[in-house]
Amino acid sequence: MINECFSENFVRYAKDGTTMDREGYSKFCTRVLNMASDIQIKIEDIVAEGDKVAFYFTLSGTRKDEAIDNLSTSKRFTMSEAYFSRFEKGKIVEFRNFQAQRQTE
């Protein structure tokens, strides 16, 4: 799915200033999706204008390993993030993460 939706020159800009290319982002997404047994992703808000889309989502689940952020296993977690994205020729070329919040229950 990454190849279908993201351009070859895709870049993700994190709020800490780091960047990630399409291959790195694909690996990151795989890690996130595999970290919980019951992962749920909910788009909370989305706004589009021209070639830009801003969206806010919540991801939650029960951890099954400690691969990301060293959170304890078997604990519920919620992650809320907000991004600006830019499109070219129907594919995402850029994500800019401008807000992230993580909570463990």
PDB file of N, CA and C in Angstrom:
ATOM      1  N   MET A   1       0.815  -1.195   0.000  1.00  0.00           N
ATOM      2  CA  MET A   1       0.000   0.000   0.000  1.00  0.00           C
ATOM      3  C   MET A   1       0.866   1.269   0.000  1.00  0.00           C
ATOM      4  N   ILE A   2       1.996   1.236   0.649  1.00  0.00           N
ATOM      5  CA  ILE A   2       2.870   2.411   0.692  1.00  0.00           C
ATOM      6  C   ILE A   2       3.231   2.837  -0.729  1.00  0.00           C
ATOM      7  N   ASN A   3       3.610   1.889  -1.591  1.00  0.00           N
ATOM      8  CA  ASN A   3       4.002   2.229  -2.954  1.00  0.00           C
ATOM      9  C   ASN A   3       2.844   2.818  -3.755  1.00  0.00           C
ATOM     10  N   GLU A   4       1.629   2.405  -3.463  1.00  0.00           N
ATOM     11  CA  GLU A   4       0.461   2.916  -4.182  1.00  0.00           C
ATOM     12  C   GLU A   4       0.078   4.324  -3.745  1.00  0.00           C
ATOM     13  N   CYS A   5       0.317   4.672  -2.516  1.00  0.00           N
ATOM     14  CA  CYS A   5      -0.145   5.943  -1.958  1.00  0.00           C
ATOM     15  C   CYS A   5       0.944   7.012  -1.819  1.00  0.00           C
ATOM     16  N   PHE A   6       2.196   6.597  -1.701  1.00  0.00           N
ATOM     17  CA  PHE A   6       3.285   7.525  -1.432  1.00  0.00           C
ATOM     18  C   PHE A   6       4.232   7.599  -2.629  1.00  0.00           C
ATOM     19  N   SER A   7       4.642   8.807  -2.987  1.00  0.00           N
ATOM     20  CA  SER A   7       5.549   8.982  -4.121  1.00  0.00           C
ATOM     21  C   SER A   7       6.943   8.446  -3.779  1.00  0.00           C
ATOM     22  N   GLU A   8       7.738   8.203  -4.803  1.00  0.00           N
ATOM     23  CA  GLU A   8       9.093   7.702  -4.592  1.00  0.00           C
ATOM     24  C   GLU A   8       9.947   8.691  -3.809  1.00  0.00           C
ATOM     25  N   ASN A   9       9.662   9.985  -3.940  1.00  0.00           N
ATOM     26  CA  ASN A   9      10.456  10.997  -3.238  1.00  0.00           C
ATOM     27  C   ASN A   9       9.773  11.482  -1.950  1.00  0.00           C
ATOM     28  N   PHE A  10       8.908  10.648  -1.371  1.00  0.00           N
ATOM     29  CA  PHE A  10       8.205  10.960  -0.128  1.00  0.00           C
ATOM     30  C   PHE A  10       9.187  11.262   1.006  1.00  0.00           C
ATOM     31  N   VAL A  11       8.820  12.242   1.848  1.00  0.00           N
ATOM     32  CA  VAL A  11       9.588  12.563   3.056  1.00  0.00           C
ATOM     33  C   VAL A  11       8.609  12.814   4.196  1.00  0.00           C
ATOM     34  N   ARG A  12       8.886  12.209   5.337  1.00  0.00           N
ATOM     35  CA  ARG A  12       8.130  12.485   6.565  1.00  0.00           C
ATOM     36  C   ARG A  12       9.013  13.341   7.448  1.00  0.00           C
ATOM     37  N   TYR A  13       8.499  14.494   7.845  1.00  0.00           N
ATOM     38  CA  TYR A  13       9.211  15.403   8.740  1.00  0.00           C
ATOM     39  C   TYR A  13       8.588  15.274  10.120  1.00  0.00           C
ATOM     40  N   ALA A  14       9.360  14.805  11.078  1.00  0.00           N
ATOM     41  CA  ALA A  14       8.860  14.662  12.447  1.00  0.00           C
ATOM     42  C   ALA A  14       8.999  15.988  13.180  1.00  0.00           C
ATOM     43  N   LYS A  15       8.234  16.151  14.234  1.00  0.00           N
ATOM     44  CA  LYS A  15       8.280  17.414  14.974  1.00  0.00           C
ATOM     45  C   LYS A  15       9.616  17.637  15.670  1.00  0.00           C
ATOM     46  N   ASP A  16      10.406  16.565  15.836  1.00  0.00           N
ATOM     47  CA  ASP A  16      11.734  16.720  16.441  1.00  0.00           C
ATOM     48  C   ASP A  16      12.809  17.080  15.409  1.00  0.00           C
ATOM     49  N   GLY A  17      12.407  17.274  14.150  1.00  0.00           N
ATOM     50  CA  GLY A  17      13.340  17.682  13.108  1.00  0.00           C
ATOM     51  C   GLY A  17      13.926  16.553  12.277  1.00  0.00           C
ATOM     52  N   THR A  18      13.667  15.308  12.671  1.00  0.00           N
ATOM     53  CA  THR A  18      14.181  14.185  11.895  1.00  0.00           C
ATOM     54  C   THR A  18      13.315  13.949  10.657  1.00  0.00           C
ATOM     55  N   THR A  19      13.899  13.284   9.660  1.00  0.00           N
ATOM     56  CA  THR A  19      13.163  12.961   8.439  1.00  0.00           C
ATOM     57  C   THR A  19      13.218  11.458   8.195  1.00  0.00           C
ATOM     58  N   MET A  20      12.312  10.995   7.334  1.00  0.00           N
ATOM     59  CA  MET A  20      12.229   9.586   6.997  1.00  0.00           C
ATOM     60  C   MET A  20      11.784   9.487   5.544  1.00  0.00           C
ATOM     61  N   ASP A  21      12.439   8.625   4.759  1.00  0.00           N
ATOM     62  CA  ASP A  21      12.023   8.427   3.373  1.00  0.00           C
ATOM     63  C   ASP A  21      10.918   7.363   3.301  1.00  0.00           C
ATOM     64  N   ARG A  22      10.481   7.051   2.093  1.00  0.00           N
ATOM     65  CA  ARG A  22       9.359   6.113   1.918  1.00  0.00           C
ATOM     66  C   ARG A  22       9.674   4.742   2.504  1.00  0.00           C
ATOM     67  N   GLU A  23      10.873   4.232   2.273  1.00  0.00           N
ATOM     68  CA  GLU A  23      11.234   2.919   2.792  1.00  0.00           C
ATOM     69  C   GLU A  23      11.262   2.921   4.319  1.00  0.00           C
ATOM     70  N   GLY A  24      11.855   3.949   4.892  1.00  0.00           N
ATOM     71  CA  GLY A  24      11.890   4.060   6.350  1.00  0.00           C
ATOM     72  C   GLY A  24      10.506   4.192   6.949  1.00  0.00           C
ATOM     73  N   TYR A  25       9.640   4.972   6.282  1.00  0.00           N
ATOM     74  CA  TYR A  25       8.278   5.144   6.781  1.00  0.00           C
ATOM     75  C   TYR A  25       7.487   3.839   6.683  1.00  0.00           C
ATOM     76  N   SER A  26       7.712   3.086   5.631  1.00  0.00           N
ATOM     77  CA  SER A  26       7.049   1.786   5.487  1.00  0.00           C
ATOM     78  C   SER A  26       7.437   0.846   6.625  1.00  0.00           C
ATOM     79  N   LYS A  27       8.723   0.799   6.956  1.00  0.00           N
ATOM     80  CA  LYS A  27       9.188  -0.042   8.064  1.00  0.00           C
ATOM     81  C   LYS A  27       8.615   0.441   9.393  1.00  0.00           C
ATOM     82  N   PHE A  28       8.582   1.756   9.581  1.00  0.00           N
ATOM     83  CA  PHE A  28       8.020   2.342  10.802  1.00  0.00           C
ATOM     84  C   PHE A  28       6.548   1.955  10.961  1.00  0.00           C
ATOM     85  N   CYS A  29       5.765   2.091   9.882  1.00  0.00           N
ATOM     86  CA  CYS A  29       4.339   1.740   9.931  1.00  0.00           C
ATOM     87  C   CYS A  29       4.134   0.267  10.257  1.00  0.00           C
ATOM     88  N   THR A  30       4.960  -0.594   9.686  1.00  0.00           N
ATOM     89  CA  THR A  30       4.867  -2.026   9.970  1.00  0.00           C
ATOM     90  C   THR A  30       5.117  -2.283  11.449  1.00  0.00           C
ATOM     91  N   ARG A  31       6.142  -1.633  12.025  1.00  0.00           N
ATOM     92  CA  ARG A  31       6.419  -1.794  13.462  1.00  0.00           C
ATOM     93  C   ARG A  31       5.236  -1.333  14.311  1.00  0.00           C
ATOM     94  N   VAL A  32       4.670  -0.185  13.968  1.00  0.00           N
ATOM     95  CA  VAL A  32       3.540   0.352  14.735  1.00  0.00           C
ATOM     96  C   VAL A  32       2.350  -0.592  14.653  1.00  0.00           C
ATOM     97  N   LEU A  33       2.021  -1.057  13.462  1.00  0.00           N
ATOM     98  CA  LEU A  33       0.863  -1.931  13.295  1.00  0.00           C
ATOM     99  C   LEU A  33       1.049  -3.288  13.960  1.00  0.00           C
ATOM    100  N   ASN A  34       2.293  -3.730  14.113  1.00  0.00           N
ATOM    101  CA  ASN A  34       2.566  -5.024  14.747  1.00  0.00           C
ATOM    102  C   ASN A  34       2.771  -4.941  16.249  1.00  0.00           C
ATOM    103  N   MET A  35       2.774  -3.728  16.821  1.00  0.00           N
ATOM    104  CA  MET A  35       3.072  -3.615  18.248  1.00  0.00           C
ATOM    105  C   MET A  35       1.870  -3.926  19.138  1.00  0.00           C
ATOM    106  N   ALA A  36       0.684  -4.036  18.547  1.00  0.00           N
ATOM    107  CA  ALA A  36      -0.512  -4.281  19.364  1.00  0.00           C
ATOM    108  C   ALA A  36      -1.357  -5.378  18.742  1.00  0.00           C
ATOM    109  N   SER A  37      -2.007  -6.137  19.596  1.00  0.00           N
ATOM    110  CA  SER A  37      -2.836  -7.244  19.128  1.00  0.00           C
ATOM    111  C   SER A  37      -4.203  -6.775  18.640  1.00  0.00           C
ATOM    112  N   ASP A  38      -4.630  -5.614  19.067  1.00  0.00           N
ATOM    113  CA  ASP A  38      -5.988  -5.148  18.765  1.00  0.00           C
ATOM    114  C   ASP A  38      -5.981  -3.688  18.312  1.00  0.00           C
ATOM    115  N   ILE A  39      -5.067  -3.344  17.455  1.00  0.00           N
ATOM    116  CA  ILE A  39      -4.865  -1.952  17.057  1.00  0.00           C
ATOM    117  C   ILE A  39      -6.096  -1.377  16.350  1.00  0.00           C
ATOM    118  N   GLN A  40      -6.407  -0.135  16.696  1.00  0.00           N
ATOM    119  CA  GLN A  40      -7.517   0.594  16.079  1.00  0.00           C
ATOM    120  C   GLN A  40      -7.029   1.989  15.713  1.00  0.00           C
ATOM    121  N   ILE A  41      -7.369   2.436  14.502  1.00  0.00           N
ATOM    122  CA  ILE A  41      -6.997   3.774  14.044  1.00  0.00           C
ATOM    123  C   ILE A  41      -8.285   4.505  13.684  1.00  0.00           C
ATOM    124  N   LYS A  42      -8.442   5.702  14.257  1.00  0.00           N
ATOM    125  CA  LYS A  42      -9.652   6.490  14.005  1.00  0.00           C
ATOM    126  C   LYS A  42      -9.250   7.888  13.551  1.00  0.00           C
ATOM    127  N   ILE A  43      -9.699   8.279  12.360  1.00  0.00           N
ATOM    128  CA  ILE A  43      -9.498   9.644  11.896  1.00  0.00           C
ATOM    129  C   ILE A  43     -10.472  10.527  12.664  1.00  0.00           C
ATOM    130  N   GLU A  44      -9.942  11.466  13.430  1.00  0.00           N
ATOM    131  CA  GLU A  44     -10.772  12.345  14.252  1.00  0.00           C
ATOM    132  C   GLU A  44     -11.226  13.577  13.479  1.00  0.00           C
ATOM    133  N   ASP A  45     -10.347  14.091  12.606  1.00  0.00           N
ATOM    134  CA  ASP A  45     -10.669  15.303  11.841  1.00  0.00           C
ATOM    135  C   ASP A  45      -9.783  15.336  10.604  1.00  0.00           C
ATOM    136  N   ILE A  46     -10.322  15.884   9.518  1.00  0.00           N
ATOM    137  CA  ILE A  46      -9.560  15.982   8.279  1.00  0.00           C
ATOM    138  C   ILE A  46     -10.058  17.201   7.498  1.00  0.00           C
ATOM    139  N   VAL A  47      -9.113  17.968   6.962  1.00  0.00           N
ATOM    140  CA  VAL A  47      -9.434  19.169   6.187  1.00  0.00           C
ATOM    141  C   VAL A  47      -8.516  19.177   4.965  1.00  0.00           C
ATOM    142  N   ALA A  48      -9.080  19.474   3.800  1.00  0.00           N
ATOM    143  CA  ALA A  48      -8.281  19.496   2.575  1.00  0.00           C
ATOM    144  C   ALA A  48      -8.506  20.796   1.821  1.00  0.00           C
ATOM    145  N   GLU A  49      -7.412  21.282   1.223  1.00  0.00           N
ATOM    146  CA  GLU A  49      -7.492  22.458   0.364  1.00  0.00           C
ATOM    147  C   GLU A  49      -6.353  22.374  -0.646  1.00  0.00           C
ATOM    148  N   GLY A  50      -6.694  22.411  -1.924  1.00  0.00           N
ATOM    149  CA  GLY A  50      -5.680  22.322  -2.967  1.00  0.00           C
ATOM    150  C   GLY A  50      -4.931  21.007  -2.885  1.00  0.00           C
ATOM    151  N   ASP A  51      -3.603  21.073  -2.820  1.00  0.00           N
ATOM    152  CA  ASP A  51      -2.778  19.864  -2.764  1.00  0.00           C
ATOM    153  C   ASP A  51      -2.409  19.470  -1.333  1.00  0.00           C
ATOM    154  N   LYS A  52      -3.038  20.100  -0.336  1.00  0.00           N
ATOM    155  CA  LYS A  52      -2.709  19.832   1.071  1.00  0.00           C
ATOM    156  C   LYS A  52      -3.898  19.236   1.822  1.00  0.00           C
ATOM    157  N   VAL A  53      -3.565  18.340   2.743  1.00  0.00           N
ATOM    158  CA  VAL A  53      -4.563  17.715   3.619  1.00  0.00           C
ATOM    159  C   VAL A  53      -4.006  17.731   5.037  1.00  0.00           C
ATOM    160  N   ALA A  54      -4.790  18.224   5.979  1.00  0.00           N
ATOM    161  CA  ALA A  54      -4.432  18.171   7.395  1.00  0.00           C
ATOM    162  C   ALA A  54      -5.338  17.138   8.053  1.00  0.00           C
ATOM    163  N   PHE A  55      -4.764  16.300   8.895  1.00  0.00           N
ATOM    164  CA  PHE A  55      -5.592  15.294   9.563  1.00  0.00           C
ATOM    165  C   PHE A  55      -5.071  15.023  10.961  1.00  0.00           C
ATOM    166  N   TYR A  56      -5.998  14.595  11.802  1.00  0.00           N
ATOM    167  CA  TYR A  56      -5.739  14.281  13.203  1.00  0.00           C
ATOM    168  C   TYR A  56      -6.327  12.900  13.443  1.00  0.00           C
ATOM    169  N   PHE A  57      -5.525  11.993  14.016  1.00  0.00           N
ATOM    170  CA  PHE A  57      -6.029  10.642  14.236  1.00  0.00           C
ATOM    171  C   PHE A  57      -5.628  10.134  15.608  1.00  0.00           C
ATOM    172  N   THR A  58      -6.338   9.105  16.054  1.00  0.00           N
ATOM    173  CA  THR A  58      -6.038   8.420  17.304  1.00  0.00           C
ATOM    174  C   THR A  58      -5.802   6.953  16.998  1.00  0.00           C
ATOM    175  N   LEU A  59      -4.709   6.426  17.521  1.00  0.00           N
ATOM    176  CA  LEU A  59      -4.366   5.021  17.367  1.00  0.00           C
ATOM    177  C   LEU A  59      -4.351   4.427  18.770  1.00  0.00           C
ATOM    178  N   SER A  60      -5.003   3.288  18.965  1.00  0.00           N
ATOM    179  CA  SER A  60      -5.028   2.676  20.294  1.00  0.00           C
ATOM    180  C   SER A  60      -4.944   1.166  20.176  1.00  0.00           C
ATOM    181  N   GLY A  61      -4.603   0.523  21.285  1.00  0.00           N
ATOM    182  CA  GLY A  61      -4.514  -0.927  21.309  1.00  0.00           C
ATOM    183  C   GLY A  61      -3.896  -1.404  22.607  1.00  0.00           C
ATOM    184  N   THR A  62      -3.619  -2.699  22.656  1.00  0.00           N
ATOM    185  CA  THR A  62      -2.965  -3.325  23.799  1.00  0.00           C
ATOM    186  C   THR A  62      -1.598  -3.798  23.343  1.00  0.00           C
ATOM    187  N   ARG A  63      -0.543  -3.326  24.005  1.00  0.00           N
ATOM    188  CA  ARG A  63       0.830  -3.643  23.587  1.00  0.00           C
ATOM    189  C   ARG A  63       1.112  -5.134  23.702  1.00  0.00           C
ATOM    190  N   LYS A  64       1.825  -5.645  22.702  1.00  0.00           N
ATOM    191  CA  LYS A  64       2.252  -7.040  22.777  1.00  0.00           C
ATOM    192  C   LYS A  64       3.767  -7.195  22.824  1.00  0.00           C
ATOM    193  N   ASP A  65       4.509  -6.075  22.685  1.00  0.00           N
ATOM    194  CA  ASP A  65       5.964  -6.102  22.831  1.00  0.00           C
ATOM    195  C   ASP A  65       6.442  -4.713  23.240  1.00  0.00           C
ATOM    196  N   GLU A  66       7.744  -4.583  23.465  1.00  0.00           N
ATOM    197  CA  GLU A  66       8.296  -3.302  23.889  1.00  0.00           C
ATOM    198  C   GLU A  66       9.159  -2.673  22.797  1.00  0.00           C
ATOM    199  N   ALA A  67       8.815  -2.899  21.527  1.00  0.00           N
ATOM    200  CA  ALA A  67       9.643  -2.454  20.403  1.00  0.00           C
ATOM    201  C   ALA A  67       9.669  -0.939  20.241  1.00  0.00           C
ATOM    202  N   ILE A  68       8.625  -0.256  20.642  1.00  0.00           N
ATOM    203  CA  ILE A  68       8.565   1.189  20.455  1.00  0.00           C
ATOM    204  C   ILE A  68       8.328   1.865  21.801  1.00  0.00           C
ATOM    205  N   ASP A  69       9.122   2.863  22.110  1.00  0.00           N
ATOM    206  CA  ASP A  69       8.981   3.710  23.297  1.00  0.00           C
ATOM    207  C   ASP A  69       9.146   2.967  24.620  1.00  0.00           C
ATOM    208  N   ASN A  70       9.575   1.718  24.611  1.00  0.00           N
ATOM    209  CA  ASN A  70       9.804   0.951  25.832  1.00  0.00           C
ATOM    210  C   ASN A  70       8.601   0.939  26.778  1.00  0.00           C
ATOM    211  N   LEU A  71       7.409   0.939  26.220  1.00  0.00           N
ATOM    212  CA  LEU A  71       6.208   0.844  27.044  1.00  0.00           C
ATOM    213  C   LEU A  71       5.996  -0.600  27.477  1.00  0.00           C
ATOM    214  N   SER A  72       5.381  -0.794  28.608  1.00  0.00           N
ATOM    215  CA  SER A  72       5.157  -2.141  29.135  1.00  0.00           C
ATOM    216  C   SER A  72       4.194  -2.920  28.258  1.00  0.00           C
ATOM    217  N   THR A  73       4.392  -4.234  28.218  1.00  0.00           N
ATOM    218  CA  THR A  73       3.490  -5.093  27.465  1.00  0.00           C
ATOM    219  C   THR A  73       2.168  -5.240  28.218  1.00  0.00           C
ATOM    220  N   SER A  74       1.141  -5.651  27.486  1.00  0.00           N
ATOM    221  CA  SER A  74      -0.203  -5.895  28.013  1.00  0.00           C
ATOM    222  C   SER A  74      -0.858  -4.655  28.599  1.00  0.00           C
ATOM    223  N   LYS A  75      -0.375  -3.485  28.274  1.00  0.00           N
ATOM    224  CA  LYS A  75      -0.986  -2.235  28.727  1.00  0.00           C
ATOM    225  C   LYS A  75      -1.689  -1.584  27.560  1.00  0.00           C
ATOM    226  N   ARG A  76      -2.850  -1.008  27.821  1.00  0.00           N
ATOM    227  CA  ARG A  76      -3.573  -0.240  26.801  1.00  0.00           C
ATOM    228  C   ARG A  76      -2.832   1.060  26.562  1.00  0.00           C
ATOM    229  N   PHE A  77      -2.840   1.523  25.329  1.00  0.00           N
ATOM    230  CA  PHE A  77      -2.211   2.790  25.003  1.00  0.00           C
ATOM    231  C   PHE A  77      -3.070   3.532  23.994  1.00  0.00           C
ATOM    232  N   THR A  78      -2.886   4.827  23.956  1.00  0.00           N
ATOM    233  CA  THR A  78      -3.533   5.694  22.972  1.00  0.00           C
ATOM    234  C   THR A  78      -2.488   6.678  22.473  1.00  0.00           C
ATOM    235  N   MET A  79      -2.425   6.840  21.163  1.00  0.00           N
ATOM    236  CA  MET A  79      -1.526   7.806  20.543  1.00  0.00           C
ATOM    237  C   MET A  79      -2.383   8.713  19.671  1.00  0.00           C
ATOM    238  N   SER A  80      -2.244  10.007  19.843  1.00  0.00           N
ATOM    239  CA  SER A  80      -2.939  10.967  19.000  1.00  0.00           C
ATOM    240  C   SER A  80      -1.884  11.767  18.252  1.00  0.00           C
ATOM    241  N   GLU A  81      -2.060  11.900  16.947  1.00  0.00           N
ATOM    242  CA  GLU A  81      -1.098  12.648  16.146  1.00  0.00           C
ATOM    243  C   GLU A  81      -1.827  13.494  15.121  1.00  0.00           C
ATOM    244  N   ALA A  82      -1.174  14.566  14.713  1.00  0.00           N
ATOM    245  CA  ALA A  82      -1.721  15.461  13.701  1.00  0.00           C
ATOM    246  C   ALA A  82      -0.647  15.712  12.646  1.00  0.00           C
ATOM    247  N   TYR A  83      -1.059  15.748  11.398  1.00  0.00           N
ATOM    248  CA  TYR A  83      -0.140  15.909  10.268  1.00  0.00           C
ATOM    249  C   TYR A  83      -0.703  16.878   9.245  1.00  0.00           C
ATOM    250  N   PHE A  84       0.203  17.525   8.545  1.00  0.00           N
ATOM    251  CA  PHE A  84      -0.100  18.172   7.279  1.00  0.00           C
ATOM    252  C   PHE A  84       0.522  17.278   6.211  1.00  0.00           C
ATOM    253  N   SER A  85      -0.182  17.040   5.137  1.00  0.00           N
ATOM    254  CA  SER A  85       0.383  16.267   4.042  1.00  0.00           C
ATOM    255  C   SER A  85       0.221  17.049   2.742  1.00  0.00           C
ATOM    256  N   ARG A  86       1.098  16.753   1.783  1.00  0.00           N
ATOM    257  CA  ARG A  86       1.032  17.408   0.484  1.00  0.00           C
ATOM    258  C   ARG A  86       1.057  16.334  -0.591  1.00  0.00           C
ATOM    259  N   PHE A  87       0.255  16.543  -1.628  1.00  0.00           N
ATOM    260  CA  PHE A  87       0.110  15.575  -2.708  1.00  0.00           C
ATOM    261  C   PHE A  87       0.650  16.125  -4.020  1.00  0.00           C
ATOM    262  N   GLU A  88       1.187  15.237  -4.842  1.00  0.00           N
ATOM    263  CA  GLU A  88       1.551  15.528  -6.229  1.00  0.00           C
ATOM    264  C   GLU A  88       1.130  14.338  -7.069  1.00  0.00           C
ATOM    265  N   LYS A  89       0.411  14.590  -8.141  1.00  0.00           N
ATOM    266  CA  LYS A  89      -0.014  13.536  -9.071  1.00  0.00           C
ATOM    267  C   LYS A  89      -0.724  12.396  -8.345  1.00  0.00           C
ATOM    268  N   GLY A  90      -1.540  12.739  -7.348  1.00  0.00           N
ATOM    269  CA  GLY A  90      -2.346  11.747  -6.651  1.00  0.00           C
ATOM    270  C   GLY A  90      -1.628  10.942  -5.582  1.00  0.00           C
ATOM    271  N   LYS A  91      -0.364  11.267  -5.311  1.00  0.00           N
ATOM    272  CA  LYS A  91       0.381  10.536  -4.279  1.00  0.00           C
ATOM    273  C   LYS A  91       0.909  11.499  -3.230  1.00  0.00           C
ATOM    274  N   ILE A  92       1.086  10.982  -2.026  1.00  0.00           N
ATOM    275  CA  ILE A  92       1.602  11.789  -0.922  1.00  0.00           C
ATOM    276  C   ILE A  92       3.104  11.967  -1.113  1.00  0.00           C
ATOM    277  N   VAL A  93       3.560  13.214  -1.099  1.00  0.00           N
ATOM    278  CA  VAL A  93       4.995  13.487  -1.218  1.00  0.00           C
ATOM    279  C   VAL A  93       5.591  13.971   0.104  1.00  0.00           C
ATOM    280  N   GLU A  94       4.734  14.368   1.034  1.00  0.00           N
ATOM    281  CA  GLU A  94       5.260  14.955   2.262  1.00  0.00           C
ATOM    282  C   GLU A  94       4.261  14.822   3.399  1.00  0.00           C
ATOM    283  N   PHE A  95       4.770  14.415   4.557  1.00  0.00           N
ATOM    284  CA  PHE A  95       4.033  14.458   5.822  1.00  0.00           C
ATOM    285  C   PHE A  95       4.817  15.384   6.739  1.00  0.00           C
ATOM    286  N   ARG A  96       4.126  16.263   7.425  1.00  0.00           N
ATOM    287  CA  ARG A  96       4.748  17.084   8.463  1.00  0.00           C
ATOM    288  C   ARG A  96       3.976  16.854   9.762  1.00  0.00           C
ATOM    289  N   ASN A  97       4.625  16.174  10.694  1.00  0.00           N
ATOM    290  CA  ASN A  97       4.024  15.895  11.990  1.00  0.00           C
ATOM    291  C   ASN A  97       4.165  17.127  12.862  1.00  0.00           C
ATOM    292  N   PHE A  98       3.036  17.665  13.346  1.00  0.00           N
ATOM    293  CA  PHE A  98       3.135  18.866  14.169  1.00  0.00           C
ATOM    294  C   PHE A  98       2.581  18.694  15.560  1.00  0.00           C
ATOM    295  N   GLN A  99       2.077  17.524  15.887  1.00  0.00           N
ATOM    296  CA  GLN A  99       1.591  17.303  17.247  1.00  0.00           C
ATOM    297  C   GLN A  99       1.529  15.797  17.485  1.00  0.00           C
ATOM    298  N   ALA A 100       2.036  15.370  18.630  1.00  0.00           N
ATOM    299  CA  ALA A 100       1.946  13.967  19.006  1.00  0.00           C
ATOM    300  C   ALA A 100       1.756  13.879  20.510  1.00  0.00           C
ATOM    301  N   GLN A 101       0.891  12.965  20.914  1.00  0.00           N
ATOM    302  CA  GLN A 101       0.614  12.771  22.335  1.00  0.00           C
ATOM    303  C   GLN A 101       0.423  11.288  22.568  1.00  0.00           C
ATOM    304  N   ARG A 102       1.106  10.718  23.556  1.00  0.00           N
ATOM    305  CA  ARG A 102       0.985   9.311  23.856  1.00  0.00           C
ATOM    306  C   ARG A 102       0.557   9.129  25.312  1.00  0.00           C
ATOM    307  N   GLN A 103      -0.283   8.128  25.510  1.00  0.00           N
ATOM    308  CA  GLN A 103      -0.794   7.888  26.856  1.00  0.00           C
ATOM    309  C   GLN A 103      -0.889   6.388  27.058  1.00  0.00           C
ATOM    310  N   THR A 104      -0.432   5.902  28.196  1.00  0.00           N
ATOM    311  CA  THR A 104      -0.574   4.503  28.553  1.00  0.00           C
ATOM    312  C   THR A 104      -1.560   4.420  29.703  1.00  0.00           C
ATOM    313  N   GLU A 105      -2.467   3.463  29.606  1.00  0.00           N
ATOM    314  CA  GLU A 105      -3.497   3.305  30.657  1.00  0.00           C
ATOM    315  C   GLU A 105      -3.025   2.340  31.717  1.00  0.00           C
TER     316      GLU A 105
END
